[in-house]
Amino acid sequence: MPSLKSLRLRINSVKSTRKITQAMKMVAAAKLRRAQTQAEAARPYAERMERMLASLGASVAGSPDAPKLLVGTGADKVHVLVVVTAERGLCGGFNTNVGRFTRTQVRALEAEGKTVKIITVGRKGAVYLKREFASRIVAEFSFANKKRIGFEDASEVSAKISEMLDAGEFDVCTLI
Protein backbone atom coordinates (compact mmCIF):
# COMPACT_ATOMS: atom_id res chain seq x y z
CA MET A 1 0.00 0.00 0.00
CA PRO A 2 1.42 3.42 -0.93
CA SER A 3 2.46 5.78 1.79
CA LEU A 4 0.59 8.97 2.63
CA LYS A 5 3.45 11.03 1.20
CA SER A 6 3.38 9.25 -2.16
CA LEU A 7 -0.41 9.65 -2.32
CA ARG A 8 -0.09 13.41 -1.71
CA LEU A 9 2.56 13.66 -4.43
CA ARG A 10 0.32 11.79 -6.82
CA ILE A 11 -2.67 14.02 -6.00
CA ASN A 12 -0.56 17.14 -6.54
CA SER A 13 0.72 15.74 -9.82
CA VAL A 14 -2.84 15.11 -11.04
CA LYS A 15 -3.90 18.63 -9.99
CA SER A 16 -0.94 20.12 -11.84
CA THR A 17 -1.75 18.12 -14.96
CA ARG A 18 -5.39 19.28 -14.74
CA LYS A 19 -4.26 22.93 -14.60
CA ILE A 20 -2.05 22.48 -17.65
CA THR A 21 -4.86 20.76 -19.54
CA GLN A 22 -7.29 23.57 -18.68
CA ALA A 23 -4.79 26.17 -19.90
CA MET A 24 -4.33 24.26 -23.17
CA LYS A 25 -8.12 24.11 -23.62
CA MET A 26 -8.39 27.86 -23.11
CA VAL A 27 -5.65 28.54 -25.66
CA ALA A 28 -7.29 26.19 -28.17
CA ALA A 29 -10.69 27.83 -27.60
CA ALA A 30 -9.22 31.28 -28.20
CA LYS A 31 -7.59 30.11 -31.43
CA LEU A 32 -10.84 28.50 -32.55
CA ARG A 33 -12.80 31.70 -31.88
CA ARG A 34 -10.24 33.70 -33.86
CA ALA A 35 -10.45 31.27 -36.78
CA GLN A 36 -14.26 31.32 -36.69
CA THR A 37 -14.27 35.11 -36.72
CA GLN A 38 -11.93 35.17 -39.71
CA ALA A 39 -14.05 32.59 -41.54
CA GLU A 40 -17.22 34.58 -40.90
CA ALA A 41 -15.53 37.76 -42.14
CA ALA A 42 -14.48 35.99 -45.35
CA ARG A 43 -17.92 34.51 -46.09
CA PRO A 44 -19.36 37.55 -47.97
CA TYR A 45 -16.20 37.70 -50.08
CA ALA A 46 -16.44 33.99 -50.91
CA GLU A 47 -20.13 34.23 -51.80
CA ARG A 48 -19.54 37.20 -54.08
CA MET A 49 -16.55 35.47 -55.68
CA GLU A 50 -18.67 32.38 -56.34
CA ARG A 51 -21.38 34.46 -58.04
CA MET A 52 -18.78 36.30 -60.10
CA LEU A 53 -17.09 33.08 -61.27
CA ALA A 54 -20.45 31.49 -62.12
CA SER A 55 -21.36 34.55 -64.17
CA LEU A 56 -17.98 34.58 -65.88
CA GLY A 57 -18.18 30.85 -66.63
CA ALA A 58 -21.65 31.23 -68.10
CA SER A 59 -20.55 34.10 -70.32
CA VAL A 60 -17.66 32.17 -71.90
CA ALA A 61 -19.30 28.72 -71.93
CA GLY A 62 -19.89 28.57 -75.69
CA SER A 63 -16.52 29.99 -76.68
CA PRO A 64 -14.04 27.45 -78.13
CA ASP A 65 -11.03 29.30 -76.69
CA ALA A 66 -12.50 29.60 -73.18
CA PRO A 67 -10.11 28.64 -70.37
CA LYS A 68 -10.58 25.07 -69.08
CA LEU A 69 -10.48 26.39 -65.54
CA LEU A 70 -13.76 28.23 -66.13
CA VAL A 71 -15.68 25.84 -68.35
CA GLY A 72 -14.21 22.48 -67.36
CA THR A 73 -13.15 19.60 -69.55
CA GLY A 74 -16.61 18.18 -70.15
CA ALA A 75 -15.57 14.81 -68.75
CA ASP A 76 -16.15 13.32 -65.31
CA LYS A 77 -13.65 10.46 -65.11
CA VAL A 78 -10.73 11.72 -63.01
CA HIS A 79 -11.39 13.60 -59.78
CA VAL A 80 -8.87 15.53 -57.69
CA LEU A 81 -9.74 16.07 -54.05
CA VAL A 82 -7.91 18.98 -52.41
CA VAL A 83 -8.02 18.10 -48.71
CA VAL A 84 -7.30 20.98 -46.31
CA THR A 85 -6.49 20.15 -42.68
CA ALA A 86 -4.52 21.66 -39.82
CA GLU A 87 -0.78 21.45 -39.33
CA ARG A 88 -1.10 20.56 -35.65
CA GLY A 89 -3.70 19.03 -33.36
CA LEU A 90 -5.73 20.67 -30.59
CA CYS A 91 -8.63 21.43 -32.93
CA GLY A 92 -11.12 18.89 -31.68
CA GLY A 93 -12.36 16.43 -34.25
CA PHE A 94 -11.75 18.73 -37.23
CA ASN A 95 -8.90 16.76 -38.81
CA THR A 96 -10.55 13.41 -38.11
CA ASN A 97 -13.87 14.56 -39.58
CA VAL A 98 -12.18 15.89 -42.71
CA GLY A 99 -10.31 12.59 -43.05
CA ARG A 100 -13.46 10.52 -42.63
CA PHE A 101 -15.37 12.65 -45.13
CA THR A 102 -12.51 12.32 -47.62
CA ARG A 103 -12.45 8.55 -47.16
CA THR A 104 -16.22 8.43 -47.81
CA GLN A 105 -15.84 10.59 -50.94
CA VAL A 106 -12.99 8.47 -52.32
CA ARG A 107 -14.93 5.25 -51.81
CA ALA A 108 -18.09 6.71 -53.36
CA LEU A 109 -16.23 8.01 -56.41
CA GLU A 110 -14.37 4.73 -56.90
CA ALA A 111 -17.64 2.81 -56.59
CA GLU A 112 -18.88 4.89 -59.54
CA GLY A 113 -15.78 3.86 -61.52
CA LYS A 114 -13.99 7.20 -61.22
CA THR A 115 -10.25 7.67 -60.74
CA VAL A 116 -9.35 9.67 -57.63
CA LYS A 117 -6.23 11.73 -56.96
CA ILE A 118 -5.60 13.58 -53.71
CA ILE A 119 -3.74 16.80 -52.92
CA THR A 120 -3.24 17.41 -49.20
CA VAL A 121 -2.80 20.82 -47.61
CA GLY A 122 -1.77 20.47 -43.98
CA ARG A 123 0.35 17.86 -42.26
CA LYS A 124 -2.46 16.16 -40.34
CA GLY A 125 -4.44 15.35 -43.46
CA ALA A 126 -1.40 13.92 -45.20
CA VAL A 127 -0.58 11.68 -42.24
CA TYR A 128 -4.20 10.51 -41.90
CA LEU A 129 -4.75 9.80 -45.59
CA LYS A 130 -1.36 8.16 -46.25
CA ARG A 131 -2.44 5.18 -44.16
CA GLU A 132 -5.11 4.20 -46.65
CA PHE A 133 -4.60 6.23 -49.82
CA ALA A 134 -0.82 6.73 -50.16
CA SER A 135 -0.82 5.75 -53.83
CA ARG A 136 -3.51 8.34 -54.64
CA ILE A 137 -1.73 11.32 -53.06
CA VAL A 138 -0.16 13.29 -55.90
CA ALA A 139 0.97 16.38 -53.96
CA GLU A 140 1.43 17.46 -50.35
CA PHE A 141 1.65 20.99 -49.01
CA SER A 142 2.65 21.66 -45.43
CA PHE A 143 3.02 25.10 -43.93
CA ALA A 144 4.01 23.97 -40.42
CA ASN A 145 6.94 26.38 -40.24
CA LYS A 146 4.72 29.39 -40.97
CA LYS A 147 2.86 31.33 -38.31
CA ARG A 148 0.41 32.76 -40.83
CA ILE A 149 -0.49 31.39 -44.22
CA GLY A 150 -0.76 34.02 -46.94
CA PHE A 151 -1.48 34.51 -50.61
CA GLU A 152 1.95 33.20 -51.67
CA ASP A 153 1.29 29.90 -49.91
CA ALA A 154 -2.15 29.53 -51.48
CA SER A 155 -0.56 30.36 -54.85
CA GLU A 156 1.66 27.27 -54.55
CA VAL A 157 -1.41 25.07 -54.19
CA SER A 158 -3.33 26.78 -57.00
CA ALA A 159 -0.29 26.60 -59.29
CA LYS A 160 -0.14 22.82 -58.82
CA ILE A 161 -3.86 22.48 -59.53
CA SER A 162 -3.59 24.69 -62.65
CA GLU A 163 -0.56 22.74 -63.86
CA MET A 164 -2.43 19.45 -63.48
CA LEU A 165 -5.52 20.84 -65.24
CA ASP A 166 -3.46 22.18 -68.16
CA ALA A 167 -1.77 18.78 -68.47
CA GLY A 168 -5.19 17.12 -68.60
CA GLU A 169 -4.54 15.08 -65.46
CA PHE A 170 -8.07 15.52 -64.06
CA ASP A 171 -11.59 16.52 -64.99
CA VAL A 172 -13.15 17.59 -61.68
CA CYS A 173 -11.55 19.30 -58.69
CA THR A 174 -13.23 19.32 -55.27
CA LEU A 175 -12.08 21.25 -52.20
CA ILE A 176 -12.64 19.45 -48.91
C-alpha atoms as a PDB file:
ATOM      1  CA  MET A   1       0.000   0.000   0.000  1.00  0.00           C
ATOM      2  CA  PRO A   2       1.418   3.422  -0.934  1.00  0.00           C
ATOM      3  CA  SER A   3       2.458   5.777   1.792  1.00  0.00           C
ATOM      4  CA  LEU A   4       0.592   8.965   2.632  1.00  0.00           C
ATOM      5  CA  LYS A   5       3.446  11.033   1.204  1.00  0.00           C
ATOM      6  CA  SER A   6       3.378   9.247  -2.158  1.00  0.00           C
ATOM      7  CA  LEU A   7      -0.411   9.655  -2.317  1.00  0.00           C
ATOM      8  CA  ARG A   8      -0.086  13.409  -1.705  1.00  0.00           C
ATOM      9  CA  LEU A   9       2.560  13.665  -4.427  1.00  0.00           C
ATOM     10  CA  ARG A  10       0.320  11.787  -6.821  1.00  0.00           C
ATOM     11  CA  ILE A  11      -2.674  14.021  -6.004  1.00  0.00           C
ATOM     12  CA  ASN A  12      -0.559  17.142  -6.543  1.00  0.00           C
ATOM     13  CA  SER A  13       0.717  15.744  -9.822  1.00  0.00           C
ATOM     14  CA  VAL A  14      -2.837  15.113 -11.041  1.00  0.00           C
ATOM     15  CA  LYS A  15      -3.898  18.633  -9.993  1.00  0.00           C
ATOM     16  CA  SER A  16      -0.939  20.123 -11.836  1.00  0.00           C
ATOM     17  CA  THR A  17      -1.755  18.119 -14.959  1.00  0.00           C
ATOM     18  CA  ARG A  18      -5.390  19.282 -14.739  1.00  0.00           C
ATOM     19  CA  LYS A  19      -4.263  22.926 -14.600  1.00  0.00           C
ATOM     20  CA  ILE A  20      -2.046  22.483 -17.652  1.00  0.00           C
ATOM     21  CA  THR A  21      -4.863  20.761 -19.538  1.00  0.00           C
ATOM     22  CA  GLN A  22      -7.289  23.572 -18.683  1.00  0.00           C
ATOM     23  CA  ALA A  23      -4.786  26.168 -19.899  1.00  0.00           C
ATOM     24  CA  MET A  24      -4.332  24.262 -23.165  1.00  0.00           C
ATOM     25  CA  LYS A  25      -8.122  24.106 -23.616  1.00  0.00           C
ATOM     26  CA  MET A  26      -8.392  27.858 -23.107  1.00  0.00           C
ATOM     27  CA  VAL A  27      -5.654  28.543 -25.663  1.00  0.00           C
ATOM     28  CA  ALA A  28      -7.294  26.192 -28.169  1.00  0.00           C
ATOM     29  CA  ALA A  29     -10.691  27.826 -27.597  1.00  0.00           C
ATOM     30  CA  ALA A  30      -9.219  31.283 -28.202  1.00  0.00           C
ATOM     31  CA  LYS A  31      -7.589  30.106 -31.435  1.00  0.00           C
ATOM     32  CA  LEU A  32     -10.840  28.497 -32.554  1.00  0.00           C
ATOM     33  CA  ARG A  33     -12.797  31.697 -31.881  1.00  0.00           C
ATOM     34  CA  ARG A  34     -10.242  33.702 -33.861  1.00  0.00           C
ATOM     35  CA  ALA A  35     -10.450  31.269 -36.782  1.00  0.00           C
ATOM     36  CA  GLN A  36     -14.256  31.317 -36.694  1.00  0.00           C
ATOM     37  CA  THR A  37     -14.266  35.112 -36.723  1.00  0.00           C
ATOM     38  CA  GLN A  38     -11.929  35.166 -39.713  1.00  0.00           C
ATOM     39  CA  ALA A  39     -14.050  32.586 -41.536  1.00  0.00           C
ATOM     40  CA  GLU A  40     -17.223  34.582 -40.901  1.00  0.00           C
ATOM     41  CA  ALA A  41     -15.532  37.755 -42.136  1.00  0.00           C
ATOM     42  CA  ALA A  42     -14.476  35.988 -45.353  1.00  0.00           C
ATOM     43  CA  ARG A  43     -17.917  34.512 -46.091  1.00  0.00           C
ATOM     44  CA  PRO A  44     -19.360  37.547 -47.968  1.00  0.00           C
ATOM     45  CA  TYR A  45     -16.201  37.701 -50.083  1.00  0.00           C
ATOM     46  CA  ALA A  46     -16.441  33.993 -50.911  1.00  0.00           C
ATOM     47  CA  GLU A  47     -20.131  34.229 -51.799  1.00  0.00           C
ATOM     48  CA  ARG A  48     -19.542  37.204 -54.079  1.00  0.00           C
ATOM     49  CA  MET A  49     -16.550  35.467 -55.677  1.00  0.00           C
ATOM     50  CA  GLU A  50     -18.666  32.376 -56.337  1.00  0.00           C
ATOM     51  CA  ARG A  51     -21.376  34.457 -58.038  1.00  0.00           C
ATOM     52  CA  MET A  52     -18.784  36.304 -60.103  1.00  0.00           C
ATOM     53  CA  LEU A  53     -17.090  33.084 -61.274  1.00  0.00           C
ATOM     54  CA  ALA A  54     -20.448  31.493 -62.123  1.00  0.00           C
ATOM     55  CA  SER A  55     -21.365  34.553 -64.174  1.00  0.00           C
ATOM     56  CA  LEU A  56     -17.980  34.584 -65.882  1.00  0.00           C
ATOM     57  CA  GLY A  57     -18.177  30.853 -66.627  1.00  0.00           C
ATOM     58  CA  ALA A  58     -21.654  31.229 -68.099  1.00  0.00           C
ATOM     59  CA  SER A  59     -20.550  34.104 -70.320  1.00  0.00           C
ATOM     60  CA  VAL A  60     -17.659  32.165 -71.899  1.00  0.00           C
ATOM     61  CA  ALA A  61     -19.300  28.722 -71.926  1.00  0.00           C
ATOM     62  CA  GLY A  62     -19.894  28.571 -75.688  1.00  0.00           C
ATOM     63  CA  SER A  63     -16.521  29.987 -76.681  1.00  0.00           C
ATOM     64  CA  PRO A  64     -14.035  27.449 -78.127  1.00  0.00           C
ATOM     65  CA  ASP A  65     -11.030  29.299 -76.694  1.00  0.00           C
ATOM     66  CA  ALA A  66     -12.497  29.601 -73.179  1.00  0.00           C
ATOM     67  CA  PRO A  67     -10.113  28.635 -70.373  1.00  0.00           C
ATOM     68  CA  LYS A  68     -10.582  25.071 -69.084  1.00  0.00           C
ATOM     69  CA  LEU A  69     -10.482  26.389 -65.540  1.00  0.00           C
ATOM     70  CA  LEU A  70     -13.756  28.234 -66.128  1.00  0.00           C
ATOM     71  CA  VAL A  71     -15.684  25.840 -68.351  1.00  0.00           C
ATOM     72  CA  GLY A  72     -14.206  22.480 -67.365  1.00  0.00           C
ATOM     73  CA  THR A  73     -13.152  19.595 -69.555  1.00  0.00           C
ATOM     74  CA  GLY A  74     -16.613  18.183 -70.154  1.00  0.00           C
ATOM     75  CA  ALA A  75     -15.567  14.811 -68.747  1.00  0.00           C
ATOM     76  CA  ASP A  76     -16.153  13.317 -65.312  1.00  0.00           C
ATOM     77  CA  LYS A  77     -13.647  10.456 -65.114  1.00  0.00           C
ATOM     78  CA  VAL A  78     -10.732  11.724 -63.007  1.00  0.00           C
ATOM     79  CA  HIS A  79     -11.389  13.597 -59.776  1.00  0.00           C
ATOM     80  CA  VAL A  80      -8.874  15.531 -57.689  1.00  0.00           C
ATOM     81  CA  LEU A  81      -9.744  16.066 -54.047  1.00  0.00           C
ATOM     82  CA  VAL A  82      -7.905  18.976 -52.413  1.00  0.00           C
ATOM     83  CA  VAL A  83      -8.024  18.098 -48.710  1.00  0.00           C
ATOM     84  CA  VAL A  84      -7.297  20.977 -46.315  1.00  0.00           C
ATOM     85  CA  THR A  85      -6.489  20.154 -42.682  1.00  0.00           C
ATOM     86  CA  ALA A  86      -4.523  21.657 -39.823  1.00  0.00           C
ATOM     87  CA  GLU A  87      -0.781  21.455 -39.331  1.00  0.00           C
ATOM     88  CA  ARG A  88      -1.104  20.558 -35.652  1.00  0.00           C
ATOM     89  CA  GLY A  89      -3.698  19.028 -33.356  1.00  0.00           C
ATOM     90  CA  LEU A  90      -5.735  20.669 -30.595  1.00  0.00           C
ATOM     91  CA  CYS A  91      -8.626  21.434 -32.926  1.00  0.00           C
ATOM     92  CA  GLY A  92     -11.123  18.895 -31.681  1.00  0.00           C
ATOM     93  CA  GLY A  93     -12.357  16.435 -34.247  1.00  0.00           C
ATOM     94  CA  PHE A  94     -11.753  18.727 -37.229  1.00  0.00           C
ATOM     95  CA  ASN A  95      -8.899  16.761 -38.805  1.00  0.00           C
ATOM     96  CA  THR A  96     -10.555  13.411 -38.111  1.00  0.00           C
ATOM     97  CA  ASN A  97     -13.868  14.560 -39.578  1.00  0.00           C
ATOM     98  CA  VAL A  98     -12.176  15.894 -42.714  1.00  0.00           C
ATOM     99  CA  GLY A  99     -10.306  12.593 -43.054  1.00  0.00           C
ATOM    100  CA  ARG A 100     -13.462  10.523 -42.634  1.00  0.00           C
ATOM    101  CA  PHE A 101     -15.375  12.654 -45.126  1.00  0.00           C
ATOM    102  CA  THR A 102     -12.513  12.324 -47.616  1.00  0.00           C
ATOM    103  CA  ARG A 103     -12.451   8.554 -47.159  1.00  0.00           C
ATOM    104  CA  THR A 104     -16.216   8.434 -47.809  1.00  0.00           C
ATOM    105  CA  GLN A 105     -15.844  10.588 -50.936  1.00  0.00           C
ATOM    106  CA  VAL A 106     -12.987   8.467 -52.317  1.00  0.00           C
ATOM    107  CA  ARG A 107     -14.926   5.249 -51.813  1.00  0.00           C
ATOM    108  CA  ALA A 108     -18.094   6.709 -53.362  1.00  0.00           C
ATOM    109  CA  LEU A 109     -16.228   8.011 -56.413  1.00  0.00           C
ATOM    110  CA  GLU A 110     -14.368   4.731 -56.898  1.00  0.00           C
ATOM    111  CA  ALA A 111     -17.643   2.811 -56.589  1.00  0.00           C
ATOM    112  CA  GLU A 112     -18.876   4.886 -59.544  1.00  0.00           C
ATOM    113  CA  GLY A 113     -15.783   3.861 -61.522  1.00  0.00           C
ATOM    114  CA  LYS A 114     -13.988   7.205 -61.220  1.00  0.00           C
ATOM    115  CA  THR A 115     -10.254   7.671 -60.742  1.00  0.00           C
ATOM    116  CA  VAL A 116      -9.353   9.667 -57.630  1.00  0.00           C
ATOM    117  CA  LYS A 117      -6.233  11.730 -56.964  1.00  0.00           C
ATOM    118  CA  ILE A 118      -5.602  13.583 -53.706  1.00  0.00           C
ATOM    119  CA  ILE A 119      -3.741  16.798 -52.916  1.00  0.00           C
ATOM    120  CA  THR A 120      -3.237  17.408 -49.203  1.00  0.00           C
ATOM    121  CA  VAL A 121      -2.804  20.818 -47.614  1.00  0.00           C
ATOM    122  CA  GLY A 122      -1.773  20.474 -43.980  1.00  0.00           C
ATOM    123  CA  ARG A 123       0.346  17.863 -42.263  1.00  0.00           C
ATOM    124  CA  LYS A 124      -2.457  16.159 -40.339  1.00  0.00           C
ATOM    125  CA  GLY A 125      -4.444  15.350 -43.464  1.00  0.00           C
ATOM    126  CA  ALA A 126      -1.401  13.920 -45.200  1.00  0.00           C
ATOM    127  CA  VAL A 127      -0.581  11.675 -42.244  1.00  0.00           C
ATOM    128  CA  TYR A 128      -4.198  10.507 -41.899  1.00  0.00           C
ATOM    129  CA  LEU A 129      -4.748   9.803 -45.591  1.00  0.00           C
ATOM    130  CA  LYS A 130      -1.360   8.162 -46.249  1.00  0.00           C
ATOM    131  CA  ARG A 131      -2.444   5.181 -44.157  1.00  0.00           C
ATOM    132  CA  GLU A 132      -5.107   4.201 -46.650  1.00  0.00           C
ATOM    133  CA  PHE A 133      -4.596   6.228 -49.824  1.00  0.00           C
ATOM    134  CA  ALA A 134      -0.824   6.735 -50.156  1.00  0.00           C
ATOM    135  CA  SER A 135      -0.823   5.754 -53.832  1.00  0.00           C
ATOM    136  CA  ARG A 136      -3.505   8.338 -54.642  1.00  0.00           C
ATOM    137  CA  ILE A 137      -1.731  11.319 -53.056  1.00  0.00           C
ATOM    138  CA  VAL A 138      -0.158  13.292 -55.902  1.00  0.00           C
ATOM    139  CA  ALA A 139       0.970  16.377 -53.962  1.00  0.00           C
ATOM    140  CA  GLU A 140       1.427  17.456 -50.355  1.00  0.00           C
ATOM    141  CA  PHE A 141       1.649  20.985 -49.010  1.00  0.00           C
ATOM    142  CA  SER A 142       2.654  21.658 -45.428  1.00  0.00           C
ATOM    143  CA  PHE A 143       3.023  25.105 -43.927  1.00  0.00           C
ATOM    144  CA  ALA A 144       4.005  23.974 -40.421  1.00  0.00           C
ATOM    145  CA  ASN A 145       6.940  26.375 -40.238  1.00  0.00           C
ATOM    146  CA  LYS A 146       4.723  29.394 -40.971  1.00  0.00           C
ATOM    147  CA  LYS A 147       2.863  31.328 -38.313  1.00  0.00           C
ATOM    148  CA  ARG A 148       0.412  32.758 -40.828  1.00  0.00           C
ATOM    149  CA  ILE A 149      -0.487  31.390 -44.225  1.00  0.00           C
ATOM    150  CA  GLY A 150      -0.759  34.021 -46.940  1.00  0.00           C
ATOM    151  CA  PHE A 151      -1.475  34.506 -50.611  1.00  0.00           C
ATOM    152  CA  GLU A 152       1.945  33.199 -51.674  1.00  0.00           C
ATOM    153  CA  ASP A 153       1.291  29.900 -49.905  1.00  0.00           C
ATOM    154  CA  ALA A 154      -2.147  29.528 -51.483  1.00  0.00           C
ATOM    155  CA  SER A 155      -0.559  30.357 -54.848  1.00  0.00           C
ATOM    156  CA  GLU A 156       1.657  27.268 -54.550  1.00  0.00           C
ATOM    157  CA  VAL A 157      -1.407  25.066 -54.190  1.00  0.00           C
ATOM    158  CA  SER A 158      -3.330  26.777 -56.998  1.00  0.00           C
ATOM    159  CA  ALA A 159      -0.287  26.597 -59.293  1.00  0.00           C
ATOM    160  CA  LYS A 160      -0.138  22.821 -58.819  1.00  0.00           C
ATOM    161  CA  ILE A 161      -3.863  22.480 -59.535  1.00  0.00           C
ATOM    162  CA  SER A 162      -3.595  24.690 -62.653  1.00  0.00           C
ATOM    163  CA  GLU A 163      -0.564  22.744 -63.860  1.00  0.00           C
ATOM    164  CA  MET A 164      -2.433  19.450 -63.479  1.00  0.00           C
ATOM    165  CA  LEU A 165      -5.519  20.843 -65.242  1.00  0.00           C
ATOM    166  CA  ASP A 166      -3.463  22.183 -68.157  1.00  0.00           C
ATOM    167  CA  ALA A 167      -1.773  18.784 -68.472  1.00  0.00           C
ATOM    168  CA  GLY A 168      -5.195  17.117 -68.600  1.00  0.00           C
ATOM    169  CA  GLU A 169      -4.541  15.082 -65.457  1.00  0.00           C
ATOM    170  CA  PHE A 170      -8.066  15.520 -64.055  1.00  0.00           C
ATOM    171  CA  ASP A 171     -11.590  16.525 -64.986  1.00  0.00           C
ATOM    172  CA  VAL A 172     -13.149  17.590 -61.679  1.00  0.00           C
ATOM    173  CA  CYS A 173     -11.545  19.303 -58.686  1.00  0.00           C
ATOM    174  CA  THR A 174     -13.233  19.321 -55.267  1.00  0.00           C
ATOM    175  CA  LEU A 175     -12.079  21.246 -52.204  1.00  0.00           C
ATOM    176  CA  ILE A 176     -12.643  19.450 -48.910  1.00  0.00           C
END
